[in-house]
Structure formats: structure tokens, C-alpha cells
Amino acid sequence: MATRQLLKISEVEEMTGLRRETIWRKVREGKFPGALRLPGSNAVRFQRSAVERFVGIAAHSDAAA
């Protein structure tokens, strides 16, 4: 089964352990990868690779602290 490249906010919450409000605040602050708005709808998705990079960087930063 192929891995989807775009994630729903609920999937991002699960991957990061962050709440939806925190994710959107970090997006506004430029501290989290921005979301993509899907054409013809109000739906937004996050790129899996960008979220995985964020999780890896956050884990590395936590380990160094």
C-alpha cells in the first residue's frame, strides 16, 4: 500500500503529539511547515515529508537539551 503524501490535521496531531491549536499557532509563527489548501474546497493538508522533517528536528532538539 502506498503512503499518502498529504496529511489531514488529525494525522499531523497524531504524528507530532501536538494539539491542533498549537500546530496552527506554530504555522502562524513560521515554526511549523505551512498547510496546502486543496483546490475547490476548504480542506487543507500538510506535506508528509515536511511534517516528518519537523518531527525529526524537534526530536533532535529535545535530545540535545
Protein backbone atom coordinates (compact mmCIF):
# COMPACT_ATOMS: atom_id res chain seq x y z
CA MET A 1 0.00 0.00 0.00
CA ALA A 2 1.41 3.38 -1.00
CA THR A 3 1.99 6.01 1.65
CA ARG A 4 -0.11 9.14 1.17
CA GLN A 5 1.96 12.29 0.74
CA LEU A 6 -0.64 14.70 2.15
CA LEU A 7 -1.86 14.52 5.74
CA LYS A 8 -5.02 15.73 7.46
CA ILE A 9 -4.63 17.88 10.56
CA SER A 10 -5.74 14.93 12.71
CA GLU A 11 -2.90 12.83 11.28
CA VAL A 12 -0.43 15.66 11.95
CA GLU A 13 -1.67 15.81 15.56
CA GLU A 14 -1.04 12.10 15.91
CA MET A 15 2.44 12.26 14.35
CA THR A 16 3.61 15.24 16.37
CA GLY A 17 1.78 14.83 19.66
CA LEU A 18 0.73 18.48 19.32
CA ARG A 19 -2.82 19.76 19.61
CA ARG A 20 -4.49 21.38 16.61
CA GLU A 21 -4.36 24.85 18.18
CA THR A 22 -0.62 24.52 18.82
CA ILE A 23 0.03 23.39 15.25
CA TRP A 24 -1.84 26.37 13.79
CA ARG A 25 -0.08 28.78 16.18
CA LYS A 26 3.30 27.38 15.14
CA VAL A 27 2.31 27.71 11.46
CA ARG A 28 1.44 31.40 12.04
CA GLU A 29 4.77 31.92 13.84
CA GLY A 30 6.68 30.25 11.00
CA LYS A 31 7.84 27.44 13.31
CA PHE A 32 5.88 24.64 11.59
CA PRO A 33 5.50 23.75 7.90
CA GLY A 34 2.59 25.52 6.27
CA ALA A 35 -0.50 23.76 5.03
CA LEU A 36 -1.70 23.45 1.45
CA ARG A 37 -5.27 24.40 0.58
CA LEU A 38 -6.83 21.85 -1.77
CA PRO A 39 -8.29 23.43 -4.91
CA GLY A 40 -12.06 23.77 -4.97
CA SER A 41 -12.55 23.13 -1.25
CA ASN A 42 -11.83 24.46 2.22
CA ALA A 43 -9.75 21.37 3.02
CA VAL A 44 -6.11 21.80 3.96
CA ARG A 45 -3.36 19.19 4.04
CA PHE A 46 0.23 19.07 5.23
CA GLN A 47 3.07 17.53 3.25
CA ARG A 48 4.15 14.31 4.95
CA SER A 49 7.84 14.93 4.24
CA ALA A 50 7.74 18.40 5.83
CA VAL A 51 5.99 17.09 8.95
CA GLU A 52 8.45 14.19 9.21
CA ARG A 53 11.35 16.68 9.00
CA PHE A 54 9.74 18.81 11.72
CA VAL A 55 9.32 15.75 13.96
CA GLY A 56 12.94 14.75 13.37
CA ILE A 57 14.25 18.24 14.09
CA ALA A 58 12.09 18.56 17.21
CA ALA A 59 13.28 15.16 18.48
CA HIS A 60 16.89 16.13 17.83
CA SER A 61 16.43 19.47 19.64
CA ASP A 62 14.81 17.74 22.64
CA ALA A 63 17.65 15.23 22.84
CA ALA A 64 20.26 17.99 22.77
CA ALA A 65 18.56 19.96 25.54
